[in-house]
Amino acid sequence: MDEQTNVQAEQQAKKNNILLIVIGVVLALIAIAAAVLTYHQFYTKPLLQENEDLKELAELEKQEMESQYKDFDLQYEMLQSQLSNDSLIAQIENERRHTQQLLEELERTKATDATEIKRLKAEIASLREVLKSYIMQVDSLNRINQSLNEENTQIKEQITQANTQISNLSSERNELKDKVNIAAQLDATGFWVTPKDKKSKDAKKVKDVKKFAFGFTIVKNVTAQNGQRIVYARILKPDNSVMGVKGTFAYENTQLEYTEKKYIDYTGEEEKVTMYSDVTEFLEAGTYKLFIFCDKQMIGQTSFTLK
C-alpha cells in the first residue's frame, strides 16, 4: 500500500509540473502577444499615419506648384496681348512654351518624388524673376506708348488748328481774290442803239432796218489789267434767238453765240466803244436785248424796241 501510494504521488507530482509548464508557456505567449500589440499600437500605427499625412502634404504642394505654373502661363498670355512689338512677343512666347513644358513635367511627376519636385520648385523661382523682368519691360513700353499717344494727340490738335488757320487764310485769300476780281471787272454803261436803213439813215420802222449802230462806255478802272481785250456783243430778238450769229465765246463753263465782236486796247481809263451789225435776216417788231461781254464776264446790258 505504501509503495502504491508513493507511485500515485509521483505521478500526481509529474502532472502538476506539466500543468505548471503549460501555464508558464501560455503566460509567456500572452506576454509576447501583449508586447507585440503594444508595439504596433504605440510605434507602427503612428508611423503609418505619419506617412499618409506626408503623402497628402506632398500632393497639396504639387497642386500648388501646378497652380503657380498655370498662373505664369496666363500672365505671359496677358503680356502678349498688350504688345505690338513682334520681337518682344516672340521672346515672351518662348518663355511661355518653357513654362508649359515644365508644367507638363510636373503633371507627370509623382508627388512623392522629392528630388524632381525640388527641381521643379526651384524652377518656379527662376520663372518668377524672368516674368518680373518682362512685366517691367512691358510696363515701360506702355508708359512710352502712352506718352507718345499723348504727344501724337497734341500734334494732331496742332495740325488741326494749323489746317483750320490755313483754311481760314485760304478762304480769306479767295474772298480777297474775288473782291480783287470784282474790282478789276470792267463795267459798261451809257448804252445807245440806233437802227439804220440801207442809206445809213435812222430807220423808223422795223421793215426798214438794215443795220444797227450801237455803243457804250467802259468806265475807268485802275484795278483792271491794261492791254488788248475782245468785246462781244450778243443781240437777242423778241423770240430770244441770237441775231446774226458770227461765232461763240466762253462764258461760265459754256459757249455762247455772239452777234459781233471788237478788239480794243484798254488803258484803265474811260473808253467809248462803237460797234455795227448788219441785218441779214428777217426782223420782227418787239423788244430786243443787247448784252456786252468781256473777259468772260457780262459787263453791261440794255434793251430797245422796234415797231
C-alpha atoms as a PDB file:
ATOM      1  CA  MET A   1       0.000   0.000   0.000  1.00  0.00           C
ATOM      2  CA  ASP A   2       2.759   2.396   0.919  1.00  0.00           C
ATOM      3  CA  GLU A   3       4.571   1.645  -2.367  1.00  0.00           C
ATOM      4  CA  GLN A   4       1.409   2.138  -4.406  1.00  0.00           C
ATOM      5  CA  THR A   5       0.714   5.385  -2.636  1.00  0.00           C
ATOM      6  CA  ASN A   6       4.177   6.666  -3.420  1.00  0.00           C
ATOM      7  CA  VAL A   7       3.752   5.839  -7.141  1.00  0.00           C
ATOM      8  CA  GLN A   8       0.492   7.714  -7.266  1.00  0.00           C
ATOM      9  CA  ALA A   9       2.065  10.663  -5.523  1.00  0.00           C
ATOM     10  CA  GLU A  10       4.940  10.763  -8.006  1.00  0.00           C
ATOM     11  CA  GLN A  11       2.517  10.620 -10.953  1.00  0.00           C
ATOM     12  CA  GLN A  12       0.457  13.446  -9.458  1.00  0.00           C
ATOM     13  CA  ALA A  13       3.588  15.483  -8.990  1.00  0.00           C
ATOM     14  CA  LYS A  14       4.581  14.957 -12.616  1.00  0.00           C
ATOM     15  CA  LYS A  15       1.112  16.076 -13.742  1.00  0.00           C
ATOM     16  CA  ASN A  16       1.356  19.198 -11.609  1.00  0.00           C
ATOM     17  CA  ASN A  17       4.763  20.036 -13.095  1.00  0.00           C
ATOM     18  CA  ILE A  18       3.448  19.597 -16.649  1.00  0.00           C
ATOM     19  CA  LEU A  19       0.479  21.808 -15.794  1.00  0.00           C
ATOM     20  CA  LEU A  20       2.787  24.432 -14.389  1.00  0.00           C
ATOM     21  CA  ILE A  21       4.914  24.321 -17.525  1.00  0.00           C
ATOM     22  CA  VAL A  22       1.858  24.675 -19.771  1.00  0.00           C
ATOM     23  CA  ILE A  23       0.599  27.552 -17.704  1.00  0.00           C
ATOM     24  CA  GLY A  24       4.005  29.160 -17.880  1.00  0.00           C
ATOM     25  CA  VAL A  25       4.126  28.789 -21.671  1.00  0.00           C
ATOM     26  CA  VAL A  26       0.623  30.233 -22.022  1.00  0.00           C
ATOM     27  CA  LEU A  27       1.512  33.163 -19.807  1.00  0.00           C
ATOM     28  CA  ALA A  28       4.685  33.729 -21.825  1.00  0.00           C
ATOM     29  CA  LEU A  29       2.708  33.714 -25.092  1.00  0.00           C
ATOM     30  CA  ILE A  30       0.205  36.115 -23.625  1.00  0.00           C
ATOM     31  CA  ALA A  31       3.047  38.422 -22.576  1.00  0.00           C
ATOM     32  CA  ILE A  32       4.601  38.252 -26.037  1.00  0.00           C
ATOM     33  CA  ALA A  33       1.235  38.970 -27.694  1.00  0.00           C
ATOM     34  CA  ALA A  34       0.702  41.898 -25.364  1.00  0.00           C
ATOM     35  CA  ALA A  35       4.136  43.231 -26.166  1.00  0.00           C
ATOM     36  CA  VAL A  36       3.559  42.916 -29.924  1.00  0.00           C
ATOM     37  CA  LEU A  37       0.180  44.605 -29.628  1.00  0.00           C
ATOM     38  CA  THR A  38       1.660  47.398 -27.561  1.00  0.00           C
ATOM     39  CA  TYR A  39       4.479  47.953 -30.088  1.00  0.00           C
ATOM     40  CA  HIS A  40       2.028  48.060 -33.027  1.00  0.00           C
ATOM     41  CA  GLN A  41      -0.233  50.438 -31.226  1.00  0.00           C
ATOM     42  CA  PHE A  42       2.401  52.835 -29.998  1.00  0.00           C
ATOM     43  CA  TYR A  43       5.029  52.668 -32.767  1.00  0.00           C
ATOM     44  CA  THR A  44       3.900  51.079 -36.071  1.00  0.00           C
ATOM     45  CA  LYS A  45       0.447  52.688 -36.382  1.00  0.00           C
ATOM     46  CA  PRO A  46       1.687  56.293 -35.788  1.00  0.00           C
ATOM     47  CA  LEU A  47       4.416  55.789 -38.385  1.00  0.00           C
ATOM     48  CA  LEU A  48       1.885  54.633 -40.971  1.00  0.00           C
ATOM     49  CA  GLN A  49      -0.373  57.599 -40.197  1.00  0.00           C
ATOM     50  CA  GLU A  50       2.590  59.953 -40.447  1.00  0.00           C
ATOM     51  CA  ASN A  51       3.425  58.564 -43.904  1.00  0.00           C
ATOM     52  CA  GLU A  52      -0.159  59.137 -45.101  1.00  0.00           C
ATOM     53  CA  ASP A  53      -0.033  62.702 -43.829  1.00  0.00           C
ATOM     54  CA  LEU A  54       3.253  63.289 -45.643  1.00  0.00           C
ATOM     55  CA  LYS A  55       1.809  61.916 -48.882  1.00  0.00           C
ATOM     56  CA  GLU A  56      -1.212  64.198 -48.592  1.00  0.00           C
ATOM     57  CA  LEU A  57       1.019  67.193 -47.847  1.00  0.00           C
ATOM     58  CA  ALA A  58       3.233  66.394 -50.858  1.00  0.00           C
ATOM     59  CA  GLU A  59       0.166  66.167 -53.101  1.00  0.00           C
ATOM     60  CA  LEU A  60      -1.099  69.536 -51.902  1.00  0.00           C
ATOM     61  CA  GLU A  61       2.312  71.082 -52.523  1.00  0.00           C
ATOM     62  CA  LYS A  62       2.348  69.652 -56.058  1.00  0.00           C
ATOM     63  CA  GLN A  63      -1.119  71.066 -56.767  1.00  0.00           C
ATOM     64  CA  GLU A  64       0.018  74.484 -55.537  1.00  0.00           C
ATOM     65  CA  MET A  65       3.049  74.331 -57.838  1.00  0.00           C
ATOM     66  CA  GLU A  66       0.816  73.415 -60.797  1.00  0.00           C
ATOM     67  CA  SER A  67      -1.393  76.405 -59.997  1.00  0.00           C
ATOM     68  CA  GLN A  68       1.658  78.697 -59.982  1.00  0.00           C
ATOM     69  CA  TYR A  69       2.847  77.380 -63.361  1.00  0.00           C
ATOM     70  CA  LYS A  70      -0.619  77.938 -64.839  1.00  0.00           C
ATOM     71  CA  ASP A  71      -0.675  81.461 -63.400  1.00  0.00           C
ATOM     72  CA  PHE A  72       2.693  82.194 -65.074  1.00  0.00           C
ATOM     73  CA  ASP A  73       1.301  80.990 -68.408  1.00  0.00           C
ATOM     74  CA  LEU A  74      -1.772  83.207 -68.034  1.00  0.00           C
ATOM     75  CA  GLN A  75       0.350  86.269 -67.207  1.00  0.00           C
ATOM     76  CA  TYR A  76       2.544  85.664 -70.261  1.00  0.00           C
ATOM     77  CA  GLU A  77      -0.578  85.495 -72.420  1.00  0.00           C
ATOM     78  CA  MET A  78      -1.831  88.792 -70.982  1.00  0.00           C
ATOM     79  CA  LEU A  79       1.545  90.438 -71.638  1.00  0.00           C
ATOM     80  CA  GLN A  80       1.476  89.318 -75.284  1.00  0.00           C
ATOM     81  CA  SER A  81      -1.982  90.827 -75.756  1.00  0.00           C
ATOM     82  CA  GLN A  82      -0.648  94.255 -74.701  1.00  0.00           C
ATOM     83  CA  LEU A  83       2.221  94.308 -77.196  1.00  0.00           C
ATOM     84  CA  SER A  84       2.705  95.173 -80.849  1.00  0.00           C
ATOM     85  CA  ASN A  85       6.474  94.613 -80.793  1.00  0.00           C
ATOM     86  CA  ASP A  86       6.978  91.352 -82.737  1.00  0.00           C
ATOM     87  CA  SER A  87      10.443  90.707 -81.311  1.00  0.00           C
ATOM     88  CA  LEU A  88       9.325  91.002 -77.690  1.00  0.00           C
ATOM     89  CA  ILE A  89       6.210  88.947 -78.395  1.00  0.00           C
ATOM     90  CA  ALA A  90       8.432  86.150 -79.770  1.00  0.00           C
ATOM     91  CA  GLN A  91      10.672  86.256 -76.663  1.00  0.00           C
ATOM     92  CA  ILE A  92       7.675  86.030 -74.347  1.00  0.00           C
ATOM     93  CA  GLU A  93       6.249  83.176 -76.427  1.00  0.00           C
ATOM     94  CA  ASN A  94       9.493  81.191 -75.910  1.00  0.00           C
ATOM     95  CA  GLU A  95       9.285  81.708 -72.142  1.00  0.00           C
ATOM     96  CA  ARG A  96       5.628  80.727 -72.208  1.00  0.00           C
ATOM     97  CA  ARG A  97       6.428  77.456 -74.001  1.00  0.00           C
ATOM     98  CA  HIS A  98       9.184  76.749 -71.466  1.00  0.00           C
ATOM     99  CA  THR A  99       6.685  77.277 -68.662  1.00  0.00           C
ATOM    100  CA  GLN A 100       4.174  74.940 -70.316  1.00  0.00           C
ATOM    101  CA  GLN A 101       6.881  72.290 -70.743  1.00  0.00           C
ATOM    102  CA  LEU A 102       7.777  72.460 -67.039  1.00  0.00           C
ATOM    103  CA  LEU A 103       4.082  72.212 -66.141  1.00  0.00           C
ATOM    104  CA  GLU A 104       3.770  69.044 -68.226  1.00  0.00           C
ATOM    105  CA  GLU A 105       6.818  67.594 -66.450  1.00  0.00           C
ATOM    106  CA  LEU A 106       5.279  68.435 -63.068  1.00  0.00           C
ATOM    107  CA  GLU A 107       1.970  66.810 -64.001  1.00  0.00           C
ATOM    108  CA  ARG A 108       3.839  63.585 -64.905  1.00  0.00           C
ATOM    109  CA  THR A 109       5.873  63.634 -61.680  1.00  0.00           C
ATOM    110  CA  LYS A 110       4.660  61.770 -58.592  1.00  0.00           C
ATOM    111  CA  ALA A 111       4.163  63.908 -55.523  1.00  0.00           C
ATOM    112  CA  THR A 112       6.450  61.562 -53.574  1.00  0.00           C
ATOM    113  CA  ASP A 113       9.368  62.087 -55.975  1.00  0.00           C
ATOM    114  CA  ALA A 114      11.147  64.540 -53.702  1.00  0.00           C
ATOM    115  CA  THR A 115      14.128  65.117 -55.998  1.00  0.00           C
ATOM    116  CA  GLU A 116      12.088  66.037 -59.066  1.00  0.00           C
ATOM    117  CA  ILE A 117       9.624  68.114 -57.045  1.00  0.00           C
ATOM    118  CA  LYS A 118      12.542  70.032 -55.541  1.00  0.00           C
ATOM    119  CA  ARG A 119      13.969  70.735 -59.026  1.00  0.00           C
ATOM    120  CA  LEU A 120      10.635  71.929 -60.421  1.00  0.00           C
ATOM    121  CA  LYS A 121      10.071  74.036 -57.324  1.00  0.00           C
ATOM    122  CA  ALA A 122      13.414  75.741 -57.906  1.00  0.00           C
ATOM    123  CA  GLU A 123      12.349  76.453 -61.493  1.00  0.00           C
ATOM    124  CA  ILE A 124       9.386  78.456 -60.134  1.00  0.00           C
ATOM    125  CA  ALA A 125      11.713  80.997 -58.524  1.00  0.00           C
ATOM    126  CA  SER A 126      13.636  81.364 -61.794  1.00  0.00           C
ATOM    127  CA  LEU A 127      10.411  81.763 -63.801  1.00  0.00           C
ATOM    128  CA  ARG A 128       9.146  84.374 -61.374  1.00  0.00           C
ATOM    129  CA  GLU A 129      12.258  86.528 -61.921  1.00  0.00           C
ATOM    130  CA  VAL A 130      12.048  86.197 -65.710  1.00  0.00           C
ATOM    131  CA  LEU A 131       8.344  87.081 -65.675  1.00  0.00           C
ATOM    132  CA  LYS A 132       9.053  90.074 -63.450  1.00  0.00           C
ATOM    133  CA  SER A 133      11.629  91.398 -65.949  1.00  0.00           C
ATOM    134  CA  TYR A 134       9.153  91.107 -68.841  1.00  0.00           C
ATOM    135  CA  ILE A 135       6.423  92.814 -66.824  1.00  0.00           C
ATOM    136  CA  MET A 136       8.805  95.717 -66.214  1.00  0.00           C
ATOM    137  CA  GLN A 137       9.664  95.901 -69.945  1.00  0.00           C
ATOM    138  CA  VAL A 138       6.011  95.875 -70.995  1.00  0.00           C
ATOM    139  CA  ASP A 139       5.125  98.470 -68.353  1.00  0.00           C
ATOM    140  CA  SER A 140       7.955 100.689 -69.591  1.00  0.00           C
ATOM    141  CA  LEU A 141       6.806 100.316 -73.198  1.00  0.00           C
ATOM    142  CA  ASN A 142       3.234 101.092 -72.206  1.00  0.00           C
ATOM    143  CA  ARG A 143       4.341 104.277 -70.457  1.00  0.00           C
ATOM    144  CA  ILE A 144       6.373 105.267 -73.511  1.00  0.00           C
ATOM    145  CA  ASN A 145       3.439 104.491 -75.812  1.00  0.00           C
ATOM    146  CA  GLN A 146       1.105 106.472 -73.585  1.00  0.00           C
ATOM    147  CA  SER A 147       3.484 109.402 -73.711  1.00  0.00           C
ATOM    148  CA  LEU A 148       3.773 109.074 -77.495  1.00  0.00           C
ATOM    149  CA  ASN A 149      -0.005 108.845 -77.833  1.00  0.00           C
ATOM    150  CA  GLU A 150      -0.436 111.989 -75.761  1.00  0.00           C
ATOM    151  CA  GLU A 151       2.228 113.694 -77.862  1.00  0.00           C
ATOM    152  CA  ASN A 152       0.547 112.478 -81.063  1.00  0.00           C
ATOM    153  CA  THR A 153      -2.772 113.798 -79.803  1.00  0.00           C
ATOM    154  CA  GLN A 154      -1.193 117.193 -79.141  1.00  0.00           C
ATOM    155  CA  ILE A 155       0.459 117.163 -82.567  1.00  0.00           C
ATOM    156  CA  LYS A 156      -2.841 116.208 -84.224  1.00  0.00           C
ATOM    157  CA  GLU A 157      -4.560 119.040 -82.394  1.00  0.00           C
ATOM    158  CA  GLN A 158      -1.833 121.430 -83.524  1.00  0.00           C
ATOM    159  CA  ILE A 159      -2.132 120.144 -87.099  1.00  0.00           C
ATOM    160  CA  THR A 160      -5.908 120.556 -86.925  1.00  0.00           C
ATOM    161  CA  GLN A 161      -5.505 124.102 -85.656  1.00  0.00           C
ATOM    162  CA  ALA A 162      -2.915 124.819 -88.352  1.00  0.00           C
ATOM    163  CA  ASN A 163      -5.192 123.352 -91.037  1.00  0.00           C
ATOM    164  CA  THR A 164      -8.052 125.460 -89.713  1.00  0.00           C
ATOM    165  CA  GLN A 165      -5.875 128.556 -89.862  1.00  0.00           C
ATOM    166  CA  ILE A 166      -4.714 127.617 -93.361  1.00  0.00           C
ATOM    167  CA  SER A 167      -8.318 127.010 -94.402  1.00  0.00           C
ATOM    168  CA  ASN A 168      -9.334 130.350 -92.940  1.00  0.00           C
ATOM    169  CA  LEU A 169      -6.432 132.069 -94.655  1.00  0.00           C
ATOM    170  CA  SER A 170      -7.333 130.312 -97.910  1.00  0.00           C
ATOM    171  CA  SER A 171     -10.933 131.446 -97.551  1.00  0.00           C
ATOM    172  CA  GLU A 172      -9.817 134.970 -96.790  1.00  0.00           C
ATOM    173  CA  ARG A 173      -7.444 134.860 -99.734  1.00  0.00           C
ATOM    174  CA  ASN A 174     -10.197 133.576-102.025  1.00  0.00           C
ATOM    175  CA  GLU A 175     -12.561 136.238-100.748  1.00  0.00           C
ATOM    176  CA  LEU A 176      -9.888 138.867-101.303  1.00  0.00           C
ATOM    177  CA  LYS A 177      -9.181 137.429-104.731  1.00  0.00           C
ATOM    178  CA  ASP A 178     -12.894 137.533-105.547  1.00  0.00           C
ATOM    179  CA  LYS A 179     -13.011 141.123-104.377  1.00  0.00           C
ATOM    180  CA  VAL A 180      -9.976 141.959-106.490  1.00  0.00           C
ATOM    181  CA  ASN A 181     -11.512 140.175-109.470  1.00  0.00           C
ATOM    182  CA  ILE A 182     -14.770 142.019-108.967  1.00  0.00           C
ATOM    183  CA  ALA A 183     -12.911 145.289-108.559  1.00  0.00           C
ATOM    184  CA  ALA A 184     -10.903 144.539-111.715  1.00  0.00           C
ATOM    185  CA  GLN A 185     -14.007 143.637-113.718  1.00  0.00           C
ATOM    186  CA  LEU A 186     -14.849 146.073-116.480  1.00  0.00           C
ATOM    187  CA  ASP A 187     -18.176 147.867-116.415  1.00  0.00           C
ATOM    188  CA  ALA A 188     -20.105 149.173-119.403  1.00  0.00           C
ATOM    189  CA  THR A 189     -22.627 151.973-119.143  1.00  0.00           C
ATOM    190  CA  GLY A 190     -24.207 154.727-121.254  1.00  0.00           C
ATOM    191  CA  PHE A 191     -25.716 152.355-123.838  1.00  0.00           C
ATOM    192  CA  TRP A 192     -27.285 153.618-127.057  1.00  0.00           C
ATOM    193  CA  VAL A 193     -28.692 151.763-130.096  1.00  0.00           C
ATOM    194  CA  THR A 194     -29.614 153.320-133.483  1.00  0.00           C
ATOM    195  CA  PRO A 195     -31.306 151.251-136.236  1.00  0.00           C
ATOM    196  CA  LYS A 196     -30.148 152.289-139.743  1.00  0.00           C
ATOM    197  CA  ASP A 197     -31.763 151.878-143.181  1.00  0.00           C
ATOM    198  CA  LYS A 198     -29.948 150.976-146.381  1.00  0.00           C
ATOM    199  CA  LYS A 199     -28.814 154.591-146.752  1.00  0.00           C
ATOM    200  CA  SER A 200     -27.361 154.558-143.196  1.00  0.00           C
ATOM    201  CA  LYS A 201     -30.064 156.904-142.012  1.00  0.00           C
ATOM    202  CA  ASP A 202     -32.061 156.358-138.838  1.00  0.00           C
ATOM    203  CA  ALA A 203     -34.799 153.801-139.552  1.00  0.00           C
ATOM    204  CA  LYS A 204     -38.250 154.459-138.109  1.00  0.00           C
ATOM    205  CA  LYS A 205     -39.848 151.109-138.891  1.00  0.00           C
ATOM    206  CA  VAL A 206     -38.577 147.595-138.362  1.00  0.00           C
ATOM    207  CA  LYS A 207     -39.021 146.693-142.034  1.00  0.00           C
ATOM    208  CA  ASP A 208     -36.523 149.389-142.983  1.00  0.00           C
ATOM    209  CA  VAL A 209     -33.762 148.330-140.605  1.00  0.00           C
ATOM    210  CA  LYS A 210     -30.653 147.078-142.431  1.00  0.00           C
ATOM    211  CA  LYS A 211     -28.018 147.801-139.811  1.00  0.00           C
ATOM    212  CA  PHE A 212     -27.592 148.553-136.108  1.00  0.00           C
ATOM    213  CA  ALA A 213     -25.186 151.093-134.761  1.00  0.00           C
ATOM    214  CA  PHE A 214     -24.721 150.822-131.006  1.00  0.00           C
ATOM    215  CA  GLY A 215     -22.271 151.885-128.410  1.00  0.00           C
ATOM    216  CA  PHE A 216     -21.416 152.176-124.732  1.00  0.00           C
ATOM    217  CA  THR A 217     -18.740 153.493-122.415  1.00  0.00           C
ATOM    218  CA  ILE A 218     -16.320 151.308-120.470  1.00  0.00           C
ATOM    219  CA  VAL A 219     -15.813 153.161-117.227  1.00  0.00           C
ATOM    220  CA  LYS A 220     -12.405 153.976-115.727  1.00  0.00           C
ATOM    221  CA  ASN A 221     -10.882 151.162-113.659  1.00  0.00           C
ATOM    222  CA  VAL A 222      -7.314 151.483-112.375  1.00  0.00           C
ATOM    223  CA  THR A 223      -7.505 147.971-110.849  1.00  0.00           C
ATOM    224  CA  ALA A 224      -8.114 146.257-114.178  1.00  0.00           C
ATOM    225  CA  GLN A 225      -5.137 144.999-116.131  1.00  0.00           C
ATOM    226  CA  ASN A 226      -4.247 147.059-119.174  1.00  0.00           C
ATOM    227  CA  GLY A 227      -3.969 145.505-122.595  1.00  0.00           C
ATOM    228  CA  GLN A 228      -5.916 144.205-125.539  1.00  0.00           C
ATOM    229  CA  ARG A 229      -9.448 142.961-124.910  1.00  0.00           C
ATOM    230  CA  ILE A 230     -12.150 141.322-127.033  1.00  0.00           C
ATOM    231  CA  VAL A 231     -15.617 142.756-126.565  1.00  0.00           C
ATOM    232  CA  TYR A 232     -18.516 140.515-127.597  1.00  0.00           C
ATOM    233  CA  ALA A 233     -21.989 141.859-128.408  1.00  0.00           C
ATOM    234  CA  ARG A 234     -24.929 139.486-128.189  1.00  0.00           C
ATOM    235  CA  ILE A 235     -28.293 140.757-129.550  1.00  0.00           C
ATOM    236  CA  LEU A 236     -31.396 138.734-128.744  1.00  0.00           C
ATOM    237  CA  LYS A 237     -34.507 139.078-130.891  1.00  0.00           C
ATOM    238  CA  PRO A 238     -38.019 139.085-129.371  1.00  0.00           C
ATOM    239  CA  ASP A 239     -38.111 135.293-129.662  1.00  0.00           C
ATOM    240  CA  ASN A 240     -34.791 135.125-127.692  1.00  0.00           C
ATOM    241  CA  SER A 241     -32.811 133.796-130.646  1.00  0.00           C
ATOM    242  CA  VAL A 242     -29.433 135.375-131.330  1.00  0.00           C
ATOM    243  CA  MET A 243     -29.388 137.799-134.224  1.00  0.00           C
ATOM    244  CA  GLY A 244     -26.693 137.405-136.895  1.00  0.00           C
ATOM    245  CA  VAL A 245     -24.607 134.720-135.225  1.00  0.00           C
ATOM    246  CA  LYS A 246     -20.910 135.125-136.035  1.00  0.00           C
ATOM    247  CA  GLY A 247     -19.432 132.531-133.655  1.00  0.00           C
ATOM    248  CA  THR A 248     -19.177 131.572-129.976  1.00  0.00           C
ATOM    249  CA  PHE A 249     -17.165 132.610-126.882  1.00  0.00           C
ATOM    250  CA  ALA A 250     -16.504 131.108-123.460  1.00  0.00           C
ATOM    251  CA  TYR A 251     -18.734 132.151-120.590  1.00  0.00           C
ATOM    252  CA  GLU A 252     -19.199 130.341-117.242  1.00  0.00           C
ATOM    253  CA  ASN A 253     -18.095 126.886-118.451  1.00  0.00           C
ATOM    254  CA  THR A 254     -20.205 127.077-121.595  1.00  0.00           C
ATOM    255  CA  GLN A 255     -20.122 128.559-125.065  1.00  0.00           C
ATOM    256  CA  LEU A 256     -22.430 131.434-126.039  1.00  0.00           C
ATOM    257  CA  GLU A 257     -23.223 132.683-129.543  1.00  0.00           C
ATOM    258  CA  TYR A 258     -22.391 136.294-130.293  1.00  0.00           C
ATOM    259  CA  THR A 259     -23.568 138.803-132.879  1.00  0.00           C
ATOM    260  CA  GLU A 260     -20.443 140.970-133.166  1.00  0.00           C
ATOM    261  CA  LYS A 261     -17.017 141.266-131.584  1.00  0.00           C
ATOM    262  CA  LYS A 262     -14.419 144.026-131.424  1.00  0.00           C
ATOM    263  CA  TYR A 263     -10.803 144.321-130.279  1.00  0.00           C
ATOM    264  CA  ILE A 264      -9.954 147.240-128.016  1.00  0.00           C
ATOM    265  CA  ASP A 265      -6.791 148.396-126.234  1.00  0.00           C
ATOM    266  CA  TYR A 266      -7.811 149.135-122.692  1.00  0.00           C
ATOM    267  CA  THR A 267      -5.637 151.563-120.713  1.00  0.00           C
ATOM    268  CA  GLY A 268      -7.620 151.709-117.495  1.00  0.00           C
ATOM    269  CA  GLU A 269      -9.143 154.991-118.465  1.00  0.00           C
ATOM    270  CA  GLU A 270     -12.743 155.606-119.604  1.00  0.00           C
ATOM    271  CA  GLU A 271     -13.201 154.341-123.132  1.00  0.00           C
ATOM    272  CA  LYS A 272     -16.092 154.803-125.531  1.00  0.00           C
ATOM    273  CA  VAL A 273     -16.835 151.849-127.829  1.00  0.00           C
ATOM    274  CA  THR A 274     -18.945 151.917-131.016  1.00  0.00           C
ATOM    275  CA  MET A 275     -19.970 148.766-132.912  1.00  0.00           C
ATOM    276  CA  TYR A 276     -22.002 147.946-136.020  1.00  0.00           C
ATOM    277  CA  SER A 277     -24.004 144.899-137.074  1.00  0.00           C
ATOM    278  CA  ASP A 278     -25.566 144.308-140.482  1.00  0.00           C
ATOM    279  CA  VAL A 279     -29.036 142.795-140.622  1.00  0.00           C
ATOM    280  CA  THR A 280     -29.141 139.710-142.866  1.00  0.00           C
ATOM    281  CA  GLU A 281     -32.350 138.165-141.612  1.00  0.00           C
ATOM    282  CA  PHE A 282     -35.980 138.966-141.048  1.00  0.00           C
ATOM    283  CA  LEU A 283     -36.680 141.201-138.073  1.00  0.00           C
ATOM    284  CA  GLU A 284     -39.982 141.407-136.285  1.00  0.00           C
ATOM    285  CA  ALA A 285     -41.389 144.163-134.184  1.00  0.00           C
ATOM    286  CA  GLY A 286     -40.825 143.864-130.478  1.00  0.00           C
ATOM    287  CA  THR A 287     -38.262 144.247-127.733  1.00  0.00           C
ATOM    288  CA  TYR A 288     -34.613 143.415-128.435  1.00  0.00           C
ATOM    289  CA  LYS A 289     -31.907 142.891-125.831  1.00  0.00           C
ATOM    290  CA  LEU A 290     -28.225 143.796-126.108  1.00  0.00           C
ATOM    291  CA  PHE A 291     -25.615 142.127-123.866  1.00  0.00           C
ATOM    292  CA  ILE A 292     -21.927 143.090-123.765  1.00  0.00           C
ATOM    293  CA  PHE A 293     -19.264 140.585-122.595  1.00  0.00           C
ATOM    294  CA  CYS A 294     -15.548 140.952-121.908  1.00  0.00           C
ATOM    295  CA  ASP A 295     -13.008 138.810-120.026  1.00  0.00           C
ATOM    296  CA  LYS A 296     -15.639 136.026-119.725  1.00  0.00           C
ATOM    297  CA  GLN A 297     -17.883 138.389-117.781  1.00  0.00           C
ATOM    298  CA  MET A 298     -21.076 140.220-118.744  1.00  0.00           C
ATOM    299  CA  ILE A 299     -20.166 143.864-118.244  1.00  0.00           C
ATOM    300  CA  GLY A 300     -23.456 145.537-119.221  1.00  0.00           C
ATOM    301  CA  GLN A 301     -26.824 145.224-120.949  1.00  0.00           C
ATOM    302  CA  THR A 302     -29.705 147.248-122.353  1.00  0.00           C
ATOM    303  CA  SER A 303     -32.880 146.744-124.374  1.00  0.00           C
ATOM    304  CA  PHE A 304     -34.623 148.593-127.220  1.00  0.00           C
ATOM    305  CA  THR A 305     -37.913 148.301-129.082  1.00  0.00           C
ATOM    306  CA  LEU A 306     -38.598 148.163-132.827  1.00  0.00           C
ATOM    307  CA  LYS A 307     -42.057 148.964-134.180  1.00  0.00           C
END
